[in-house]
Amino acid sequence: VLLQAGMQSEFEKQFKKAAAESDA
């Protein structure tokens, strides 16, 4: 949804957080 809305900076923050938590 963040990408579809064009919110790249928020996508980056959330993706980094999620990738750090799951390591996948």
PDBML (XML) file of the C-alpha atoms, coordinates in Angstrom:
<?xml version="1.0" encoding="UTF-8" ?>
<PDBx:datablock datablockName="MODEL"
   xmlns:PDBx="http://pdbml.pdb.org/schema/pdbx-v50.xsd"
   xmlns:xsi="http://www.w3.org/2001/XMLSchema-instance"
   xsi:schemaLocation="http://pdbml.pdb.org/schema/pdbx-v50.xsd pdbx-v50.xsd">
   <PDBx:atom_siteCategory>
      <PDBx:atom_site id="1">
         <PDBx:B_iso_or_equiv>0.00</PDBx:B_iso_or_equiv>
         <PDBx:Cartn_x>0.000</PDBx:Cartn_x>
         <PDBx:Cartn_y>0.000</PDBx:Cartn_y>
         <PDBx:Cartn_z>0.000</PDBx:Cartn_z>
         <PDBx:auth_asym_id>A</PDBx:auth_asym_id>
         <PDBx:auth_atom_id>CA</PDBx:auth_atom_id>
         <PDBx:auth_comp_id>VAL</PDBx:auth_comp_id>
         <PDBx:auth_seq_id>1</PDBx:auth_seq_id>
         <PDBx:group_PDB>ATOM</PDBx:group_PDB>
         <PDBx:label_alt_id xsi:nil="true" />
         <PDBx:label_asym_id>A</PDBx:label_asym_id>
         <PDBx:label_atom_id>CA</PDBx:label_atom_id>
         <PDBx:label_comp_id>VAL</PDBx:label_comp_id>
         <PDBx:label_entity_id>1</PDBx:label_entity_id>
         <PDBx:label_seq_id>1</PDBx:label_seq_id>
         <PDBx:occupancy>1.00</PDBx:occupancy>
         <PDBx:pdbx_PDB_model_num>1</PDBx:pdbx_PDB_model_num>
         <PDBx:type_symbol>C</PDBx:type_symbol>
      </PDBx:atom_site>
      <PDBx:atom_site id="2">
         <PDBx:B_iso_or_equiv>0.00</PDBx:B_iso_or_equiv>
         <PDBx:Cartn_x>2.854</PDBx:Cartn_x>
         <PDBx:Cartn_y>2.391</PDBx:Cartn_y>
         <PDBx:Cartn_z>0.806</PDBx:Cartn_z>
         <PDBx:auth_asym_id>A</PDBx:auth_asym_id>
         <PDBx:auth_atom_id>CA</PDBx:auth_atom_id>
         <PDBx:auth_comp_id>LEU</PDBx:auth_comp_id>
         <PDBx:auth_seq_id>2</PDBx:auth_seq_id>
         <PDBx:group_PDB>ATOM</PDBx:group_PDB>
         <PDBx:label_alt_id xsi:nil="true" />
         <PDBx:label_asym_id>A</PDBx:label_asym_id>
         <PDBx:label_atom_id>CA</PDBx:label_atom_id>
         <PDBx:label_comp_id>LEU</PDBx:label_comp_id>
         <PDBx:label_entity_id>1</PDBx:label_entity_id>
         <PDBx:label_seq_id>2</PDBx:label_seq_id>
         <PDBx:occupancy>1.00</PDBx:occupancy>
         <PDBx:pdbx_PDB_model_num>1</PDBx:pdbx_PDB_model_num>
         <PDBx:type_symbol>C</PDBx:type_symbol>
      </PDBx:atom_site>
      <PDBx:atom_site id="3">
         <PDBx:B_iso_or_equiv>0.00</PDBx:B_iso_or_equiv>
         <PDBx:Cartn_x>4.454</PDBx:Cartn_x>
         <PDBx:Cartn_y>1.757</PDBx:Cartn_y>
         <PDBx:Cartn_z>-2.592</PDBx:Cartn_z>
         <PDBx:auth_asym_id>A</PDBx:auth_asym_id>
         <PDBx:auth_atom_id>CA</PDBx:auth_atom_id>
         <PDBx:auth_comp_id>LEU</PDBx:auth_comp_id>
         <PDBx:auth_seq_id>3</PDBx:auth_seq_id>
         <PDBx:group_PDB>ATOM</PDBx:group_PDB>
         <PDBx:label_alt_id xsi:nil="true" />
         <PDBx:label_asym_id>A</PDBx:label_asym_id>
         <PDBx:label_atom_id>CA</PDBx:label_atom_id>
         <PDBx:label_comp_id>LEU</PDBx:label_comp_id>
         <PDBx:label_entity_id>1</PDBx:label_entity_id>
         <PDBx:label_seq_id>3</PDBx:label_seq_id>
         <PDBx:occupancy>1.00</PDBx:occupancy>
         <PDBx:pdbx_PDB_model_num>1</PDBx:pdbx_PDB_model_num>
         <PDBx:type_symbol>C</PDBx:type_symbol>
      </PDBx:atom_site>
      <PDBx:atom_site id="4">
         <PDBx:B_iso_or_equiv>0.00</PDBx:B_iso_or_equiv>
         <PDBx:Cartn_x>1.147</PDBx:Cartn_x>
         <PDBx:Cartn_y>2.114</PDBx:Cartn_y>
         <PDBx:Cartn_z>-4.425</PDBx:Cartn_z>
         <PDBx:auth_asym_id>A</PDBx:auth_asym_id>
         <PDBx:auth_atom_id>CA</PDBx:auth_atom_id>
         <PDBx:auth_comp_id>GLN</PDBx:auth_comp_id>
         <PDBx:auth_seq_id>4</PDBx:auth_seq_id>
         <PDBx:group_PDB>ATOM</PDBx:group_PDB>
         <PDBx:label_alt_id xsi:nil="true" />
         <PDBx:label_asym_id>A</PDBx:label_asym_id>
         <PDBx:label_atom_id>CA</PDBx:label_atom_id>
         <PDBx:label_comp_id>GLN</PDBx:label_comp_id>
         <PDBx:label_entity_id>1</PDBx:label_entity_id>
         <PDBx:label_seq_id>4</PDBx:label_seq_id>
         <PDBx:occupancy>1.00</PDBx:occupancy>
         <PDBx:pdbx_PDB_model_num>1</PDBx:pdbx_PDB_model_num>
         <PDBx:type_symbol>C</PDBx:type_symbol>
      </PDBx:atom_site>
      <PDBx:atom_site id="5">
         <PDBx:B_iso_or_equiv>0.00</PDBx:B_iso_or_equiv>
         <PDBx:Cartn_x>0.622</PDBx:Cartn_x>
         <PDBx:Cartn_y>5.440</PDBx:Cartn_y>
         <PDBx:Cartn_z>-2.695</PDBx:Cartn_z>
         <PDBx:auth_asym_id>A</PDBx:auth_asym_id>
         <PDBx:auth_atom_id>CA</PDBx:auth_atom_id>
         <PDBx:auth_comp_id>ALA</PDBx:auth_comp_id>
         <PDBx:auth_seq_id>5</PDBx:auth_seq_id>
         <PDBx:group_PDB>ATOM</PDBx:group_PDB>
         <PDBx:label_alt_id xsi:nil="true" />
         <PDBx:label_asym_id>A</PDBx:label_asym_id>
         <PDBx:label_atom_id>CA</PDBx:label_atom_id>
         <PDBx:label_comp_id>ALA</PDBx:label_comp_id>
         <PDBx:label_entity_id>1</PDBx:label_entity_id>
         <PDBx:label_seq_id>5</PDBx:label_seq_id>
         <PDBx:occupancy>1.00</PDBx:occupancy>
         <PDBx:pdbx_PDB_model_num>1</PDBx:pdbx_PDB_model_num>
         <PDBx:type_symbol>C</PDBx:type_symbol>
      </PDBx:atom_site>
      <PDBx:atom_site id="6">
         <PDBx:B_iso_or_equiv>0.00</PDBx:B_iso_or_equiv>
         <PDBx:Cartn_x>4.100</PDBx:Cartn_x>
         <PDBx:Cartn_y>6.643</PDBx:Cartn_y>
         <PDBx:Cartn_z>-3.711</PDBx:Cartn_z>
         <PDBx:auth_asym_id>A</PDBx:auth_asym_id>
         <PDBx:auth_atom_id>CA</PDBx:auth_atom_id>
         <PDBx:auth_comp_id>GLY</PDBx:auth_comp_id>
         <PDBx:auth_seq_id>6</PDBx:auth_seq_id>
         <PDBx:group_PDB>ATOM</PDBx:group_PDB>
         <PDBx:label_alt_id xsi:nil="true" />
         <PDBx:label_asym_id>A</PDBx:label_asym_id>
         <PDBx:label_atom_id>CA</PDBx:label_atom_id>
         <PDBx:label_comp_id>GLY</PDBx:label_comp_id>
         <PDBx:label_entity_id>1</PDBx:label_entity_id>
         <PDBx:label_seq_id>6</PDBx:label_seq_id>
         <PDBx:occupancy>1.00</PDBx:occupancy>
         <PDBx:pdbx_PDB_model_num>1</PDBx:pdbx_PDB_model_num>
         <PDBx:type_symbol>C</PDBx:type_symbol>
      </PDBx:atom_site>
      <PDBx:atom_site id="7">
         <PDBx:B_iso_or_equiv>0.00</PDBx:B_iso_or_equiv>
         <PDBx:Cartn_x>5.410</PDBx:Cartn_x>
         <PDBx:Cartn_y>6.880</PDBx:Cartn_y>
         <PDBx:Cartn_z>-0.146</PDBx:Cartn_z>
         <PDBx:auth_asym_id>A</PDBx:auth_asym_id>
         <PDBx:auth_atom_id>CA</PDBx:auth_atom_id>
         <PDBx:auth_comp_id>MET</PDBx:auth_comp_id>
         <PDBx:auth_seq_id>7</PDBx:auth_seq_id>
         <PDBx:group_PDB>ATOM</PDBx:group_PDB>
         <PDBx:label_alt_id xsi:nil="true" />
         <PDBx:label_asym_id>A</PDBx:label_asym_id>
         <PDBx:label_atom_id>CA</PDBx:label_atom_id>
         <PDBx:label_comp_id>MET</PDBx:label_comp_id>
         <PDBx:label_entity_id>1</PDBx:label_entity_id>
         <PDBx:label_seq_id>7</PDBx:label_seq_id>
         <PDBx:occupancy>1.00</PDBx:occupancy>
         <PDBx:pdbx_PDB_model_num>1</PDBx:pdbx_PDB_model_num>
         <PDBx:type_symbol>C</PDBx:type_symbol>
      </PDBx:atom_site>
      <PDBx:atom_site id="8">
         <PDBx:B_iso_or_equiv>0.00</PDBx:B_iso_or_equiv>
         <PDBx:Cartn_x>8.947</PDBx:Cartn_x>
         <PDBx:Cartn_y>5.614</PDBx:Cartn_y>
         <PDBx:Cartn_z>-0.770</PDBx:Cartn_z>
         <PDBx:auth_asym_id>A</PDBx:auth_asym_id>
         <PDBx:auth_atom_id>CA</PDBx:auth_atom_id>
         <PDBx:auth_comp_id>GLN</PDBx:auth_comp_id>
         <PDBx:auth_seq_id>8</PDBx:auth_seq_id>
         <PDBx:group_PDB>ATOM</PDBx:group_PDB>
         <PDBx:label_alt_id xsi:nil="true" />
         <PDBx:label_asym_id>A</PDBx:label_asym_id>
         <PDBx:label_atom_id>CA</PDBx:label_atom_id>
         <PDBx:label_comp_id>GLN</PDBx:label_comp_id>
         <PDBx:label_entity_id>1</PDBx:label_entity_id>
         <PDBx:label_seq_id>8</PDBx:label_seq_id>
         <PDBx:occupancy>1.00</PDBx:occupancy>
         <PDBx:pdbx_PDB_model_num>1</PDBx:pdbx_PDB_model_num>
         <PDBx:type_symbol>C</PDBx:type_symbol>
      </PDBx:atom_site>
      <PDBx:atom_site id="9">
         <PDBx:B_iso_or_equiv>0.00</PDBx:B_iso_or_equiv>
         <PDBx:Cartn_x>10.548</PDBx:Cartn_x>
         <PDBx:Cartn_y>7.045</PDBx:Cartn_y>
         <PDBx:Cartn_z>2.375</PDBx:Cartn_z>
         <PDBx:auth_asym_id>A</PDBx:auth_asym_id>
         <PDBx:auth_atom_id>CA</PDBx:auth_atom_id>
         <PDBx:auth_comp_id>SER</PDBx:auth_comp_id>
         <PDBx:auth_seq_id>9</PDBx:auth_seq_id>
         <PDBx:group_PDB>ATOM</PDBx:group_PDB>
         <PDBx:label_alt_id xsi:nil="true" />
         <PDBx:label_asym_id>A</PDBx:label_asym_id>
         <PDBx:label_atom_id>CA</PDBx:label_atom_id>
         <PDBx:label_comp_id>SER</PDBx:label_comp_id>
         <PDBx:label_entity_id>1</PDBx:label_entity_id>
         <PDBx:label_seq_id>9</PDBx:label_seq_id>
         <PDBx:occupancy>1.00</PDBx:occupancy>
         <PDBx:pdbx_PDB_model_num>1</PDBx:pdbx_PDB_model_num>
         <PDBx:type_symbol>C</PDBx:type_symbol>
      </PDBx:atom_site>
      <PDBx:atom_site id="10">
         <PDBx:B_iso_or_equiv>0.00</PDBx:B_iso_or_equiv>
         <PDBx:Cartn_x>7.961</PDBx:Cartn_x>
         <PDBx:Cartn_y>5.425</PDBx:Cartn_y>
         <PDBx:Cartn_z>4.647</PDBx:Cartn_z>
         <PDBx:auth_asym_id>A</PDBx:auth_asym_id>
         <PDBx:auth_atom_id>CA</PDBx:auth_atom_id>
         <PDBx:auth_comp_id>GLU</PDBx:auth_comp_id>
         <PDBx:auth_seq_id>10</PDBx:auth_seq_id>
         <PDBx:group_PDB>ATOM</PDBx:group_PDB>
         <PDBx:label_alt_id xsi:nil="true" />
         <PDBx:label_asym_id>A</PDBx:label_asym_id>
         <PDBx:label_atom_id>CA</PDBx:label_atom_id>
         <PDBx:label_comp_id>GLU</PDBx:label_comp_id>
         <PDBx:label_entity_id>1</PDBx:label_entity_id>
         <PDBx:label_seq_id>10</PDBx:label_seq_id>
         <PDBx:occupancy>1.00</PDBx:occupancy>
         <PDBx:pdbx_PDB_model_num>1</PDBx:pdbx_PDB_model_num>
         <PDBx:type_symbol>C</PDBx:type_symbol>
      </PDBx:atom_site>
      <PDBx:atom_site id="11">
         <PDBx:B_iso_or_equiv>0.00</PDBx:B_iso_or_equiv>
         <PDBx:Cartn_x>8.278</PDBx:Cartn_x>
         <PDBx:Cartn_y>2.189</PDBx:Cartn_y>
         <PDBx:Cartn_z>2.640</PDBx:Cartn_z>
         <PDBx:auth_asym_id>A</PDBx:auth_asym_id>
         <PDBx:auth_atom_id>CA</PDBx:auth_atom_id>
         <PDBx:auth_comp_id>PHE</PDBx:auth_comp_id>
         <PDBx:auth_seq_id>11</PDBx:auth_seq_id>
         <PDBx:group_PDB>ATOM</PDBx:group_PDB>
         <PDBx:label_alt_id xsi:nil="true" />
         <PDBx:label_asym_id>A</PDBx:label_asym_id>
         <PDBx:label_atom_id>CA</PDBx:label_atom_id>
         <PDBx:label_comp_id>PHE</PDBx:label_comp_id>
         <PDBx:label_entity_id>1</PDBx:label_entity_id>
         <PDBx:label_seq_id>11</PDBx:label_seq_id>
         <PDBx:occupancy>1.00</PDBx:occupancy>
         <PDBx:pdbx_PDB_model_num>1</PDBx:pdbx_PDB_model_num>
         <PDBx:type_symbol>C</PDBx:type_symbol>
      </PDBx:atom_site>
      <PDBx:atom_site id="12">
         <PDBx:B_iso_or_equiv>0.00</PDBx:B_iso_or_equiv>
         <PDBx:Cartn_x>12.051</PDBx:Cartn_x>
         <PDBx:Cartn_y>2.270</PDBx:Cartn_y>
         <PDBx:Cartn_z>3.236</PDBx:Cartn_z>
         <PDBx:auth_asym_id>A</PDBx:auth_asym_id>
         <PDBx:auth_atom_id>CA</PDBx:auth_atom_id>
         <PDBx:auth_comp_id>GLU</PDBx:auth_comp_id>
         <PDBx:auth_seq_id>12</PDBx:auth_seq_id>
         <PDBx:group_PDB>ATOM</PDBx:group_PDB>
         <PDBx:label_alt_id xsi:nil="true" />
         <PDBx:label_asym_id>A</PDBx:label_asym_id>
         <PDBx:label_atom_id>CA</PDBx:label_atom_id>
         <PDBx:label_comp_id>GLU</PDBx:label_comp_id>
         <PDBx:label_entity_id>1</PDBx:label_entity_id>
         <PDBx:label_seq_id>12</PDBx:label_seq_id>
         <PDBx:occupancy>1.00</PDBx:occupancy>
         <PDBx:pdbx_PDB_model_num>1</PDBx:pdbx_PDB_model_num>
         <PDBx:type_symbol>C</PDBx:type_symbol>
      </PDBx:atom_site>
      <PDBx:atom_site id="13">
         <PDBx:B_iso_or_equiv>0.00</PDBx:B_iso_or_equiv>
         <PDBx:Cartn_x>11.634</PDBx:Cartn_x>
         <PDBx:Cartn_y>2.727</PDBx:Cartn_y>
         <PDBx:Cartn_z>7.008</PDBx:Cartn_z>
         <PDBx:auth_asym_id>A</PDBx:auth_asym_id>
         <PDBx:auth_atom_id>CA</PDBx:auth_atom_id>
         <PDBx:auth_comp_id>LYS</PDBx:auth_comp_id>
         <PDBx:auth_seq_id>13</PDBx:auth_seq_id>
         <PDBx:group_PDB>ATOM</PDBx:group_PDB>
         <PDBx:label_alt_id xsi:nil="true" />
         <PDBx:label_asym_id>A</PDBx:label_asym_id>
         <PDBx:label_atom_id>CA</PDBx:label_atom_id>
         <PDBx:label_comp_id>LYS</PDBx:label_comp_id>
         <PDBx:label_entity_id>1</PDBx:label_entity_id>
         <PDBx:label_seq_id>13</PDBx:label_seq_id>
         <PDBx:occupancy>1.00</PDBx:occupancy>
         <PDBx:pdbx_PDB_model_num>1</PDBx:pdbx_PDB_model_num>
         <PDBx:type_symbol>C</PDBx:type_symbol>
      </PDBx:atom_site>
      <PDBx:atom_site id="14">
         <PDBx:B_iso_or_equiv>0.00</PDBx:B_iso_or_equiv>
         <PDBx:Cartn_x>9.038</PDBx:Cartn_x>
         <PDBx:Cartn_y>-0.014</PDBx:Cartn_y>
         <PDBx:Cartn_z>7.329</PDBx:Cartn_z>
         <PDBx:auth_asym_id>A</PDBx:auth_asym_id>
         <PDBx:auth_atom_id>CA</PDBx:auth_atom_id>
         <PDBx:auth_comp_id>GLN</PDBx:auth_comp_id>
         <PDBx:auth_seq_id>14</PDBx:auth_seq_id>
         <PDBx:group_PDB>ATOM</PDBx:group_PDB>
         <PDBx:label_alt_id xsi:nil="true" />
         <PDBx:label_asym_id>A</PDBx:label_asym_id>
         <PDBx:label_atom_id>CA</PDBx:label_atom_id>
         <PDBx:label_comp_id>GLN</PDBx:label_comp_id>
         <PDBx:label_entity_id>1</PDBx:label_entity_id>
         <PDBx:label_seq_id>14</PDBx:label_seq_id>
         <PDBx:occupancy>1.00</PDBx:occupancy>
         <PDBx:pdbx_PDB_model_num>1</PDBx:pdbx_PDB_model_num>
         <PDBx:type_symbol>C</PDBx:type_symbol>
      </PDBx:atom_site>
      <PDBx:atom_site id="15">
         <PDBx:B_iso_or_equiv>0.00</PDBx:B_iso_or_equiv>
         <PDBx:Cartn_x>10.917</PDBx:Cartn_x>
         <PDBx:Cartn_y>-2.451</PDBx:Cartn_y>
         <PDBx:Cartn_z>5.064</PDBx:Cartn_z>
         <PDBx:auth_asym_id>A</PDBx:auth_asym_id>
         <PDBx:auth_atom_id>CA</PDBx:auth_atom_id>
         <PDBx:auth_comp_id>PHE</PDBx:auth_comp_id>
         <PDBx:auth_seq_id>15</PDBx:auth_seq_id>
         <PDBx:group_PDB>ATOM</PDBx:group_PDB>
         <PDBx:label_alt_id xsi:nil="true" />
         <PDBx:label_asym_id>A</PDBx:label_asym_id>
         <PDBx:label_atom_id>CA</PDBx:label_atom_id>
         <PDBx:label_comp_id>PHE</PDBx:label_comp_id>
         <PDBx:label_entity_id>1</PDBx:label_entity_id>
         <PDBx:label_seq_id>15</PDBx:label_seq_id>
         <PDBx:occupancy>1.00</PDBx:occupancy>
         <PDBx:pdbx_PDB_model_num>1</PDBx:pdbx_PDB_model_num>
         <PDBx:type_symbol>C</PDBx:type_symbol>
      </PDBx:atom_site>
      <PDBx:atom_site id="16">
         <PDBx:B_iso_or_equiv>0.00</PDBx:B_iso_or_equiv>
         <PDBx:Cartn_x>14.153</PDBx:Cartn_x>
         <PDBx:Cartn_y>-1.995</PDBx:Cartn_y>
         <PDBx:Cartn_z>7.006</PDBx:Cartn_z>
         <PDBx:auth_asym_id>A</PDBx:auth_asym_id>
         <PDBx:auth_atom_id>CA</PDBx:auth_atom_id>
         <PDBx:auth_comp_id>LYS</PDBx:auth_comp_id>
         <PDBx:auth_seq_id>16</PDBx:auth_seq_id>
         <PDBx:group_PDB>ATOM</PDBx:group_PDB>
         <PDBx:label_alt_id xsi:nil="true" />
         <PDBx:label_asym_id>A</PDBx:label_asym_id>
         <PDBx:label_atom_id>CA</PDBx:label_atom_id>
         <PDBx:label_comp_id>LYS</PDBx:label_comp_id>
         <PDBx:label_entity_id>1</PDBx:label_entity_id>
         <PDBx:label_seq_id>16</PDBx:label_seq_id>
         <PDBx:occupancy>1.00</PDBx:occupancy>
         <PDBx:pdbx_PDB_model_num>1</PDBx:pdbx_PDB_model_num>
         <PDBx:type_symbol>C</PDBx:type_symbol>
      </PDBx:atom_site>
      <PDBx:atom_site id="17">
         <PDBx:B_iso_or_equiv>0.00</PDBx:B_iso_or_equiv>
         <PDBx:Cartn_x>12.320</PDBx:Cartn_x>
         <PDBx:Cartn_y>-2.572</PDBx:Cartn_y>
         <PDBx:Cartn_z>10.278</PDBx:Cartn_z>
         <PDBx:auth_asym_id>A</PDBx:auth_asym_id>
         <PDBx:auth_atom_id>CA</PDBx:auth_atom_id>
         <PDBx:auth_comp_id>LYS</PDBx:auth_comp_id>
         <PDBx:auth_seq_id>17</PDBx:auth_seq_id>
         <PDBx:group_PDB>ATOM</PDBx:group_PDB>
         <PDBx:label_alt_id xsi:nil="true" />
         <PDBx:label_asym_id>A</PDBx:label_asym_id>
         <PDBx:label_atom_id>CA</PDBx:label_atom_id>
         <PDBx:label_comp_id>LYS</PDBx:label_comp_id>
         <PDBx:label_entity_id>1</PDBx:label_entity_id>
         <PDBx:label_seq_id>17</PDBx:label_seq_id>
         <PDBx:occupancy>1.00</PDBx:occupancy>
         <PDBx:pdbx_PDB_model_num>1</PDBx:pdbx_PDB_model_num>
         <PDBx:type_symbol>C</PDBx:type_symbol>
      </PDBx:atom_site>
      <PDBx:atom_site id="18">
         <PDBx:B_iso_or_equiv>0.00</PDBx:B_iso_or_equiv>
         <PDBx:Cartn_x>10.533</PDBx:Cartn_x>
         <PDBx:Cartn_y>-5.670</PDBx:Cartn_y>
         <PDBx:Cartn_z>8.973</PDBx:Cartn_z>
         <PDBx:auth_asym_id>A</PDBx:auth_asym_id>
         <PDBx:auth_atom_id>CA</PDBx:auth_atom_id>
         <PDBx:auth_comp_id>ALA</PDBx:auth_comp_id>
         <PDBx:auth_seq_id>18</PDBx:auth_seq_id>
         <PDBx:group_PDB>ATOM</PDBx:group_PDB>
         <PDBx:label_alt_id xsi:nil="true" />
         <PDBx:label_asym_id>A</PDBx:label_asym_id>
         <PDBx:label_atom_id>CA</PDBx:label_atom_id>
         <PDBx:label_comp_id>ALA</PDBx:label_comp_id>
         <PDBx:label_entity_id>1</PDBx:label_entity_id>
         <PDBx:label_seq_id>18</PDBx:label_seq_id>
         <PDBx:occupancy>1.00</PDBx:occupancy>
         <PDBx:pdbx_PDB_model_num>1</PDBx:pdbx_PDB_model_num>
         <PDBx:type_symbol>C</PDBx:type_symbol>
      </PDBx:atom_site>
      <PDBx:atom_site id="19">
         <PDBx:B_iso_or_equiv>0.00</PDBx:B_iso_or_equiv>
         <PDBx:Cartn_x>13.688</PDBx:Cartn_x>
         <PDBx:Cartn_y>-7.108</PDBx:Cartn_y>
         <PDBx:Cartn_z>7.388</PDBx:Cartn_z>
         <PDBx:auth_asym_id>A</PDBx:auth_asym_id>
         <PDBx:auth_atom_id>CA</PDBx:auth_atom_id>
         <PDBx:auth_comp_id>ALA</PDBx:auth_comp_id>
         <PDBx:auth_seq_id>19</PDBx:auth_seq_id>
         <PDBx:group_PDB>ATOM</PDBx:group_PDB>
         <PDBx:label_alt_id xsi:nil="true" />
         <PDBx:label_asym_id>A</PDBx:label_asym_id>
         <PDBx:label_atom_id>CA</PDBx:label_atom_id>
         <PDBx:label_comp_id>ALA</PDBx:label_comp_id>
         <PDBx:label_entity_id>1</PDBx:label_entity_id>
         <PDBx:label_seq_id>19</PDBx:label_seq_id>
         <PDBx:occupancy>1.00</PDBx:occupancy>
         <PDBx:pdbx_PDB_model_num>1</PDBx:pdbx_PDB_model_num>
         <PDBx:type_symbol>C</PDBx:type_symbol>
      </PDBx:atom_site>
      <PDBx:atom_site id="20">
         <PDBx:B_iso_or_equiv>0.00</PDBx:B_iso_or_equiv>
         <PDBx:Cartn_x>15.616</PDBx:Cartn_x>
         <PDBx:Cartn_y>-6.628</PDBx:Cartn_y>
         <PDBx:Cartn_z>10.629</PDBx:Cartn_z>
         <PDBx:auth_asym_id>A</PDBx:auth_asym_id>
         <PDBx:auth_atom_id>CA</PDBx:auth_atom_id>
         <PDBx:auth_comp_id>ALA</PDBx:auth_comp_id>
         <PDBx:auth_seq_id>20</PDBx:auth_seq_id>
         <PDBx:group_PDB>ATOM</PDBx:group_PDB>
         <PDBx:label_alt_id xsi:nil="true" />
         <PDBx:label_asym_id>A</PDBx:label_asym_id>
         <PDBx:label_atom_id>CA</PDBx:label_atom_id>
         <PDBx:label_comp_id>ALA</PDBx:label_comp_id>
         <PDBx:label_entity_id>1</PDBx:label_entity_id>
         <PDBx:label_seq_id>20</PDBx:label_seq_id>
         <PDBx:occupancy>1.00</PDBx:occupancy>
         <PDBx:pdbx_PDB_model_num>1</PDBx:pdbx_PDB_model_num>
         <PDBx:type_symbol>C</PDBx:type_symbol>
      </PDBx:atom_site>
      <PDBx:atom_site id="21">
         <PDBx:B_iso_or_equiv>0.00</PDBx:B_iso_or_equiv>
         <PDBx:Cartn_x>12.911</PDBx:Cartn_x>
         <PDBx:Cartn_y>-8.382</PDBx:Cartn_y>
         <PDBx:Cartn_z>12.651</PDBx:Cartn_z>
         <PDBx:auth_asym_id>A</PDBx:auth_asym_id>
         <PDBx:auth_atom_id>CA</PDBx:auth_atom_id>
         <PDBx:auth_comp_id>GLU</PDBx:auth_comp_id>
         <PDBx:auth_seq_id>21</PDBx:auth_seq_id>
         <PDBx:group_PDB>ATOM</PDBx:group_PDB>
         <PDBx:label_alt_id xsi:nil="true" />
         <PDBx:label_asym_id>A</PDBx:label_asym_id>
         <PDBx:label_atom_id>CA</PDBx:label_atom_id>
         <PDBx:label_comp_id>GLU</PDBx:label_comp_id>
         <PDBx:label_entity_id>1</PDBx:label_entity_id>
         <PDBx:label_seq_id>21</PDBx:label_seq_id>
         <PDBx:occupancy>1.00</PDBx:occupancy>
         <PDBx:pdbx_PDB_model_num>1</PDBx:pdbx_PDB_model_num>
         <PDBx:type_symbol>C</PDBx:type_symbol>
      </PDBx:atom_site>
      <PDBx:atom_site id="22">
         <PDBx:B_iso_or_equiv>0.00</PDBx:B_iso_or_equiv>
         <PDBx:Cartn_x>12.462</PDBx:Cartn_x>
         <PDBx:Cartn_y>-11.370</PDBx:Cartn_y>
         <PDBx:Cartn_z>10.346</PDBx:Cartn_z>
         <PDBx:auth_asym_id>A</PDBx:auth_asym_id>
         <PDBx:auth_atom_id>CA</PDBx:auth_atom_id>
         <PDBx:auth_comp_id>SER</PDBx:auth_comp_id>
         <PDBx:auth_seq_id>22</PDBx:auth_seq_id>
         <PDBx:group_PDB>ATOM</PDBx:group_PDB>
         <PDBx:label_alt_id xsi:nil="true" />
         <PDBx:label_asym_id>A</PDBx:label_asym_id>
         <PDBx:label_atom_id>CA</PDBx:label_atom_id>
         <PDBx:label_comp_id>SER</PDBx:label_comp_id>
         <PDBx:label_entity_id>1</PDBx:label_entity_id>
         <PDBx:label_seq_id>22</PDBx:label_seq_id>
         <PDBx:occupancy>1.00</PDBx:occupancy>
         <PDBx:pdbx_PDB_model_num>1</PDBx:pdbx_PDB_model_num>
         <PDBx:type_symbol>C</PDBx:type_symbol>
      </PDBx:atom_site>
      <PDBx:atom_site id="23">
         <PDBx:B_iso_or_equiv>0.00</PDBx:B_iso_or_equiv>
         <PDBx:Cartn_x>15.926</PDBx:Cartn_x>
         <PDBx:Cartn_y>-11.541</PDBx:Cartn_y>
         <PDBx:Cartn_z>8.703</PDBx:Cartn_z>
         <PDBx:auth_asym_id>A</PDBx:auth_asym_id>
         <PDBx:auth_atom_id>CA</PDBx:auth_atom_id>
         <PDBx:auth_comp_id>ASP</PDBx:auth_comp_id>
         <PDBx:auth_seq_id>23</PDBx:auth_seq_id>
         <PDBx:group_PDB>ATOM</PDBx:group_PDB>
         <PDBx:label_alt_id xsi:nil="true" />
         <PDBx:label_asym_id>A</PDBx:label_asym_id>
         <PDBx:label_atom_id>CA</PDBx:label_atom_id>
         <PDBx:label_comp_id>ASP</PDBx:label_comp_id>
         <PDBx:label_entity_id>1</PDBx:label_entity_id>
         <PDBx:label_seq_id>23</PDBx:label_seq_id>
         <PDBx:occupancy>1.00</PDBx:occupancy>
         <PDBx:pdbx_PDB_model_num>1</PDBx:pdbx_PDB_model_num>
         <PDBx:type_symbol>C</PDBx:type_symbol>
      </PDBx:atom_site>
      <PDBx:atom_site id="24">
         <PDBx:B_iso_or_equiv>0.00</PDBx:B_iso_or_equiv>
         <PDBx:Cartn_x>14.245</PDBx:Cartn_x>
         <PDBx:Cartn_y>-12.656</PDBx:Cartn_y>
         <PDBx:Cartn_z>5.463</PDBx:Cartn_z>
         <PDBx:auth_asym_id>A</PDBx:auth_asym_id>
         <PDBx:auth_atom_id>CA</PDBx:auth_atom_id>
         <PDBx:auth_comp_id>ALA</PDBx:auth_comp_id>
         <PDBx:auth_seq_id>24</PDBx:auth_seq_id>
         <PDBx:group_PDB>ATOM</PDBx:group_PDB>
         <PDBx:label_alt_id xsi:nil="true" />
         <PDBx:label_asym_id>A</PDBx:label_asym_id>
         <PDBx:label_atom_id>CA</PDBx:label_atom_id>
         <PDBx:label_comp_id>ALA</PDBx:label_comp_id>
         <PDBx:label_entity_id>1</PDBx:label_entity_id>
         <PDBx:label_seq_id>24</PDBx:label_seq_id>
         <PDBx:occupancy>1.00</PDBx:occupancy>
         <PDBx:pdbx_PDB_model_num>1</PDBx:pdbx_PDB_model_num>
         <PDBx:type_symbol>C</PDBx:type_symbol>
      </PDBx:atom_site>
   </PDBx:atom_siteCategory>
</PDBx:datablock>
